[in-house]
Amino acid sequence: MAKKFHSNKNQRFLIPPINVFANRDKKGLSTIVVTVILVALSMSAVVLVWAFVNNLIKKQIGETESCFGNAEKITLNERYTCYEQISASNFKLRFSLAIGDIKVNKIIVSVSSAGSVKSYEIMNSTIIPNLVMYSGANPTTIILPGANSGLTYNATGFTSKIDSIQIIPVLGGTTCEVSDSLSEIENCVLLA
């Protein structure tokens, strides 16, 4: 016996194929527009990074610009730098600073002796404990040498022979590197 297949005309047995290109008539971004957008984004990123790096570099250059080439103009005068032995455990240091044609805000003097280090910040019209001018009307008021000049100072309160001295200038608000140092300081008796 043969079976009869009934088909309903309203019923479909076949699924229509999916058309991958059905959205072809919708407007999309062309390759040129996408390329222009990517180039614009890349350029904006470069500009942002450059602005950040440029500000950082300008700040660093501004800080070091005042020291560059000028720190050598602040020196120790070896001829007038020496120590005196007052007693077995009492030493005095005489040091002389010379400044070239430059404006100095401050000079930091670092003195080393047998395991101890003393630092003095020499500015104009200051009083610094254990530091006096070598000569002058008011030896307790410390002043910096002017441009193209030098001054001599006496530092006291050392319990052993002074080993070394370094000077660090402060120019334009920037602390520079060591501009001059002496590692062998003579006895003042030998310099006379």
C-alpha atoms as a PDB file:
ATOM      1  CA  MET A   1       0.000   0.000   0.000  1.00  0.00           C
ATOM      2  CA  ALA A   2       1.270   3.222  -0.981  1.00  0.00           C
ATOM      3  CA  LYS A   3       1.192   6.192   1.274  1.00  0.00           C
ATOM      4  CA  LYS A   4       0.216   9.464  -0.070  1.00  0.00           C
ATOM      5  CA  PHE A   5       2.083  12.514   0.951  1.00  0.00           C
ATOM      6  CA  HIS A   6      -0.026  15.476   1.468  1.00  0.00           C
ATOM      7  CA  SER A   7       1.592  18.834   1.037  1.00  0.00           C
ATOM      8  CA  ASN A   8       0.281  22.030   2.328  1.00  0.00           C
ATOM      9  CA  LYS A   9       0.914  24.855  -0.037  1.00  0.00           C
ATOM     10  CA  ASN A  10       1.208  27.373   2.793  1.00  0.00           C
ATOM     11  CA  GLN A  11       3.855  25.326   4.469  1.00  0.00           C
ATOM     12  CA  ARG A  12       7.403  25.553   3.263  1.00  0.00           C
ATOM     13  CA  PHE A  13       9.798  22.748   3.712  1.00  0.00           C
ATOM     14  CA  LEU A  14      12.847  24.495   2.525  1.00  0.00           C
ATOM     15  CA  ILE A  15      14.600  27.220   4.519  1.00  0.00           C
ATOM     16  CA  PRO A  16      15.580  30.022   2.249  1.00  0.00           C
ATOM     17  CA  PRO A  17      19.331  30.504   1.943  1.00  0.00           C
ATOM     18  CA  ILE A  18      20.865  33.280   4.040  1.00  0.00           C
ATOM     19  CA  ASN A  19      22.090  36.115   1.933  1.00  0.00           C
ATOM     20  CA  VAL A  20      25.431  37.253   3.335  1.00  0.00           C
ATOM     21  CA  PHE A  21      25.484  40.330   1.179  1.00  0.00           C
ATOM     22  CA  ALA A  22      21.972  41.431   2.107  1.00  0.00           C
ATOM     23  CA  ASN A  23      23.257  44.610   3.827  1.00  0.00           C
ATOM     24  CA  ARG A  24      25.181  45.704   0.772  1.00  0.00           C
ATOM     25  CA  ASP A  25      22.943  48.614   0.016  1.00  0.00           C
ATOM     26  CA  LYS A  26      23.419  50.167   3.509  1.00  0.00           C
ATOM     27  CA  LYS A  27      25.967  52.969   3.755  1.00  0.00           C
ATOM     28  CA  GLY A  28      29.273  51.977   5.481  1.00  0.00           C
ATOM     29  CA  LEU A  29      32.692  53.564   6.116  1.00  0.00           C
ATOM     30  CA  SER A  30      34.943  53.394   3.170  1.00  0.00           C
ATOM     31  CA  THR A  31      38.566  52.344   3.501  1.00  0.00           C
ATOM     32  CA  ILE A  32      39.750  55.892   2.833  1.00  0.00           C
ATOM     33  CA  VAL A  33      37.626  57.369   5.625  1.00  0.00           C
ATOM     34  CA  VAL A  34      38.843  54.720   8.099  1.00  0.00           C
ATOM     35  CA  THR A  35      42.456  55.421   7.109  1.00  0.00           C
ATOM     36  CA  VAL A  36      42.004  59.174   7.581  1.00  0.00           C
ATOM     37  CA  ILE A  37      40.455  58.621  11.029  1.00  0.00           C
ATOM     38  CA  LEU A  38      43.318  56.315  12.101  1.00  0.00           C
ATOM     39  CA  VAL A  39      45.930  58.811  10.893  1.00  0.00           C
ATOM     40  CA  ALA A  40      44.153  61.636  12.764  1.00  0.00           C
ATOM     41  CA  LEU A  41      44.033  59.554  15.975  1.00  0.00           C
ATOM     42  CA  SER A  42      47.712  58.662  15.609  1.00  0.00           C
ATOM     43  CA  MET A  43      48.685  62.301  15.070  1.00  0.00           C
ATOM     44  CA  SER A  44      46.673  63.398  18.142  1.00  0.00           C
ATOM     45  CA  ALA A  45      48.429  60.749  20.257  1.00  0.00           C
ATOM     46  CA  VAL A  46      51.824  61.934  18.990  1.00  0.00           C
ATOM     47  CA  VAL A  47      50.955  65.571  19.762  1.00  0.00           C
ATOM     48  CA  LEU A  48      49.830  64.678  23.301  1.00  0.00           C
ATOM     49  CA  VAL A  49      52.963  62.643  24.018  1.00  0.00           C
ATOM     50  CA  TRP A  50      55.198  65.364  22.518  1.00  0.00           C
ATOM     51  CA  ALA A  51      53.563  68.073  24.654  1.00  0.00           C
ATOM     52  CA  PHE A  52      54.152  66.023  27.810  1.00  0.00           C
ATOM     53  CA  VAL A  53      57.763  65.141  26.946  1.00  0.00           C
ATOM     54  CA  ASN A  54      58.538  68.689  25.766  1.00  0.00           C
ATOM     55  CA  ASN A  55      57.354  70.208  29.073  1.00  0.00           C
ATOM     56  CA  LEU A  56      59.421  67.670  30.998  1.00  0.00           C
ATOM     57  CA  ILE A  57      62.544  68.416  28.951  1.00  0.00           C
ATOM     58  CA  LYS A  58      62.091  72.207  29.219  1.00  0.00           C
ATOM     59  CA  LYS A  59      61.796  71.916  33.000  1.00  0.00           C
ATOM     60  CA  GLN A  60      65.009  69.867  33.224  1.00  0.00           C
ATOM     61  CA  ILE A  61      66.877  72.224  30.886  1.00  0.00           C
ATOM     62  CA  GLY A  62      65.720  75.254  32.866  1.00  0.00           C
ATOM     63  CA  GLU A  63      67.022  73.718  36.094  1.00  0.00           C
ATOM     64  CA  THR A  64      70.442  72.826  34.702  1.00  0.00           C
ATOM     65  CA  GLU A  65      70.865  75.825  32.401  1.00  0.00           C
ATOM     66  CA  SER A  66      71.924  78.155  35.218  1.00  0.00           C
ATOM     67  CA  CYS A  67      74.666  75.723  36.334  1.00  0.00           C
ATOM     68  CA  PHE A  68      75.973  74.858  32.886  1.00  0.00           C
ATOM     69  CA  GLY A  69      79.311  76.544  32.301  1.00  0.00           C
ATOM     70  CA  ASN A  70      78.969  78.733  35.385  1.00  0.00           C
ATOM     71  CA  ALA A  71      79.883  76.391  38.221  1.00  0.00           C
ATOM     72  CA  GLU A  72      83.558  76.562  37.238  1.00  0.00           C
ATOM     73  CA  LYS A  73      83.497  80.277  38.034  1.00  0.00           C
ATOM     74  CA  ILE A  74      83.170  79.522  41.775  1.00  0.00           C
ATOM     75  CA  THR A  75      86.434  78.144  43.168  1.00  0.00           C
ATOM     76  CA  LEU A  76      88.486  77.650  46.305  1.00  0.00           C
ATOM     77  CA  ASN A  77      91.647  79.712  46.483  1.00  0.00           C
ATOM     78  CA  GLU A  78      94.255  77.099  47.517  1.00  0.00           C
ATOM     79  CA  ARG A  79      96.747  79.756  48.523  1.00  0.00           C
ATOM     80  CA  TYR A  80      94.509  80.932  51.373  1.00  0.00           C
ATOM     81  CA  THR A  81      92.917  77.598  52.326  1.00  0.00           C
ATOM     82  CA  CYS A  82      94.606  75.864  55.258  1.00  0.00           C
ATOM     83  CA  TYR A  83      94.040  74.557  58.782  1.00  0.00           C
ATOM     84  CA  GLU A  84      95.427  75.624  62.147  1.00  0.00           C
ATOM     85  CA  GLN A  85      95.900  73.355  65.124  1.00  0.00           C
ATOM     86  CA  ILE A  86      94.946  75.333  68.237  1.00  0.00           C
ATOM     87  CA  SER A  87      95.352  72.399  70.675  1.00  0.00           C
ATOM     88  CA  ALA A  88      95.455  68.585  70.539  1.00  0.00           C
ATOM     89  CA  SER A  89      91.732  68.347  69.800  1.00  0.00           C
ATOM     90  CA  ASN A  90      90.890  71.819  68.514  1.00  0.00           C
ATOM     91  CA  PHE A  91      91.366  72.727  64.847  1.00  0.00           C
ATOM     92  CA  LYS A  92      90.375  75.744  62.779  1.00  0.00           C
ATOM     93  CA  LEU A  93      89.927  75.933  59.016  1.00  0.00           C
ATOM     94  CA  ARG A  94      90.641  79.000  56.923  1.00  0.00           C
ATOM     95  CA  PHE A  95      89.202  78.869  53.410  1.00  0.00           C
ATOM     96  CA  SER A  96      88.943  81.379  50.635  1.00  0.00           C
ATOM     97  CA  LEU A  97      86.186  81.539  48.009  1.00  0.00           C
ATOM     98  CA  ALA A  98      86.670  83.209  44.640  1.00  0.00           C
ATOM     99  CA  ILE A  99      83.749  84.066  42.373  1.00  0.00           C
ATOM    100  CA  GLY A 100      84.043  85.017  38.702  1.00  0.00           C
ATOM    101  CA  ASP A 101      81.675  87.164  36.677  1.00  0.00           C
ATOM    102  CA  ILE A 102      78.461  85.525  37.912  1.00  0.00           C
ATOM    103  CA  LYS A 103      75.617  86.135  40.379  1.00  0.00           C
ATOM    104  CA  VAL A 104      75.519  83.506  43.148  1.00  0.00           C
ATOM    105  CA  ASN A 105      72.542  83.006  45.475  1.00  0.00           C
ATOM    106  CA  LYS A 106      74.315  80.817  47.974  1.00  0.00           C
ATOM    107  CA  ILE A 107      77.381  78.571  48.369  1.00  0.00           C
ATOM    108  CA  ILE A 108      77.265  75.352  50.348  1.00  0.00           C
ATOM    109  CA  VAL A 109      80.630  74.524  51.915  1.00  0.00           C
ATOM    110  CA  SER A 110      81.128  70.928  53.080  1.00  0.00           C
ATOM    111  CA  VAL A 111      84.114  70.201  55.359  1.00  0.00           C
ATOM    112  CA  SER A 112      85.222  66.638  56.250  1.00  0.00           C
ATOM    113  CA  SER A 113      87.393  65.733  59.214  1.00  0.00           C
ATOM    114  CA  ALA A 114      87.984  62.288  60.773  1.00  0.00           C
ATOM    115  CA  GLY A 115      84.547  60.774  60.277  1.00  0.00           C
ATOM    116  CA  SER A 116      82.478  63.952  60.617  1.00  0.00           C
ATOM    117  CA  VAL A 117      81.168  66.375  58.033  1.00  0.00           C
ATOM    118  CA  LYS A 118      80.073  69.965  58.680  1.00  0.00           C
ATOM    119  CA  SER A 119      78.178  72.014  56.144  1.00  0.00           C
ATOM    120  CA  TYR A 120      77.764  75.774  55.938  1.00  0.00           C
ATOM    121  CA  GLU A 121      75.276  77.613  53.726  1.00  0.00           C
ATOM    122  CA  ILE A 122      76.899  80.951  52.992  1.00  0.00           C
ATOM    123  CA  MET A 123      74.485  83.685  51.914  1.00  0.00           C
ATOM    124  CA  ASN A 124      74.658  87.445  52.252  1.00  0.00           C
ATOM    125  CA  SER A 125      74.131  88.985  55.699  1.00  0.00           C
ATOM    126  CA  THR A 126      73.736  85.782  57.696  1.00  0.00           C
ATOM    127  CA  ILE A 127      75.112  84.596  61.004  1.00  0.00           C
ATOM    128  CA  ILE A 128      76.389  81.010  60.936  1.00  0.00           C
ATOM    129  CA  PRO A 129      77.550  79.241  64.098  1.00  0.00           C
ATOM    130  CA  ASN A 130      81.299  78.438  64.114  1.00  0.00           C
ATOM    131  CA  LEU A 131      81.911  80.498  60.967  1.00  0.00           C
ATOM    132  CA  VAL A 132      83.261  84.070  60.846  1.00  0.00           C
ATOM    133  CA  MET A 133      84.768  86.339  58.243  1.00  0.00           C
ATOM    134  CA  TYR A 134      88.580  86.314  58.228  1.00  0.00           C
ATOM    135  CA  SER A 135      88.651  90.069  58.452  1.00  0.00           C
ATOM    136  CA  GLY A 136      86.198  92.927  58.283  1.00  0.00           C
ATOM    137  CA  ALA A 137      84.231  95.399  60.371  1.00  0.00           C
ATOM    138  CA  ASN A 138      81.718  92.800  61.590  1.00  0.00           C
ATOM    139  CA  PRO A 139      83.329  89.345  61.347  1.00  0.00           C
ATOM    140  CA  THR A 140      80.238  87.484  62.636  1.00  0.00           C
ATOM    141  CA  THR A 141      77.981  88.661  59.776  1.00  0.00           C
ATOM    142  CA  ILE A 142      78.775  86.405  56.841  1.00  0.00           C
ATOM    143  CA  ILE A 143      78.614  87.733  53.287  1.00  0.00           C
ATOM    144  CA  LEU A 144      79.290  86.176  49.895  1.00  0.00           C
ATOM    145  CA  PRO A 145      82.022  87.522  47.652  1.00  0.00           C
ATOM    146  CA  GLY A 146      80.716  89.750  44.893  1.00  0.00           C
ATOM    147  CA  ALA A 147      81.272  89.130  41.196  1.00  0.00           C
ATOM    148  CA  ASN A 148      84.965  88.971  40.241  1.00  0.00           C
ATOM    149  CA  SER A 149      86.156  88.934  43.849  1.00  0.00           C
ATOM    150  CA  GLY A 150      86.965  86.646  46.754  1.00  0.00           C
ATOM    151  CA  LEU A 151      86.643  86.473  50.538  1.00  0.00           C
ATOM    152  CA  THR A 152      88.237  84.378  53.267  1.00  0.00           C
ATOM    153  CA  TYR A 153      86.443  82.701  56.183  1.00  0.00           C
ATOM    154  CA  ASN A 154      87.403  80.970  59.446  1.00  0.00           C
ATOM    155  CA  ALA A 155      85.516  77.825  60.510  1.00  0.00           C
ATOM    156  CA  THR A 156      86.010  76.566  64.075  1.00  0.00           C
ATOM    157  CA  GLY A 157      84.890  73.644  66.200  1.00  0.00           C
ATOM    158  CA  PHE A 158      86.803  70.772  64.597  1.00  0.00           C
ATOM    159  CA  THR A 159      88.216  68.079  66.899  1.00  0.00           C
ATOM    160  CA  SER A 160      90.625  66.615  64.343  1.00  0.00           C
ATOM    161  CA  LYS A 161      92.644  67.603  61.276  1.00  0.00           C
ATOM    162  CA  ILE A 162      90.522  68.703  58.323  1.00  0.00           C
ATOM    163  CA  ASP A 163      90.676  66.181  55.474  1.00  0.00           C
ATOM    164  CA  SER A 164      88.788  67.832  52.628  1.00  0.00           C
ATOM    165  CA  ILE A 165      86.567  70.715  51.603  1.00  0.00           C
ATOM    166  CA  GLN A 166      84.007  70.975  48.788  1.00  0.00           C
ATOM    167  CA  ILE A 167      81.965  73.899  47.544  1.00  0.00           C
ATOM    168  CA  ILE A 168      78.566  73.607  45.886  1.00  0.00           C
ATOM    169  CA  PRO A 169      77.088  76.764  44.318  1.00  0.00           C
ATOM    170  CA  VAL A 170      73.389  77.584  44.166  1.00  0.00           C
ATOM    171  CA  LEU A 171      72.693  79.558  40.993  1.00  0.00           C
ATOM    172  CA  GLY A 172      69.260  80.840  40.059  1.00  0.00           C
ATOM    173  CA  GLY A 173      67.655  78.708  42.769  1.00  0.00           C
ATOM    174  CA  THR A 174      69.258  75.511  41.415  1.00  0.00           C
ATOM    175  CA  THR A 175      71.783  73.578  43.474  1.00  0.00           C
ATOM    176  CA  CYS A 176      74.640  72.707  41.135  1.00  0.00           C
ATOM    177  CA  GLU A 177      77.196  69.936  41.438  1.00  0.00           C
ATOM    178  CA  VAL A 178      80.482  70.339  43.296  1.00  0.00           C
ATOM    179  CA  SER A 179      82.349  73.149  41.561  1.00  0.00           C
ATOM    180  CA  ASP A 180      85.669  72.824  43.405  1.00  0.00           C
ATOM    181  CA  SER A 181      87.240  70.727  46.135  1.00  0.00           C
ATOM    182  CA  LEU A 182      90.506  70.188  47.965  1.00  0.00           C
ATOM    183  CA  SER A 183      91.431  66.799  49.373  1.00  0.00           C
ATOM    184  CA  GLU A 184      94.799  67.789  50.819  1.00  0.00           C
ATOM    185  CA  ILE A 185      94.676  70.819  53.046  1.00  0.00           C
ATOM    186  CA  GLU A 186      97.976  72.216  54.268  1.00  0.00           C
ATOM    187  CA  ASN A 187      98.816  73.501  57.711  1.00  0.00           C
ATOM    188  CA  CYS A 188      98.698  77.315  57.776  1.00  0.00           C
ATOM    189  CA  VAL A 189     102.154  77.367  59.386  1.00  0.00           C
ATOM    190  CA  LEU A 190     103.596  75.851  56.180  1.00  0.00           C
ATOM    191  CA  LEU A 191     101.912  78.462  53.961  1.00  0.00           C
ATOM    192  CA  ALA A 192     103.333  81.474  55.825  1.00  0.00           C
END
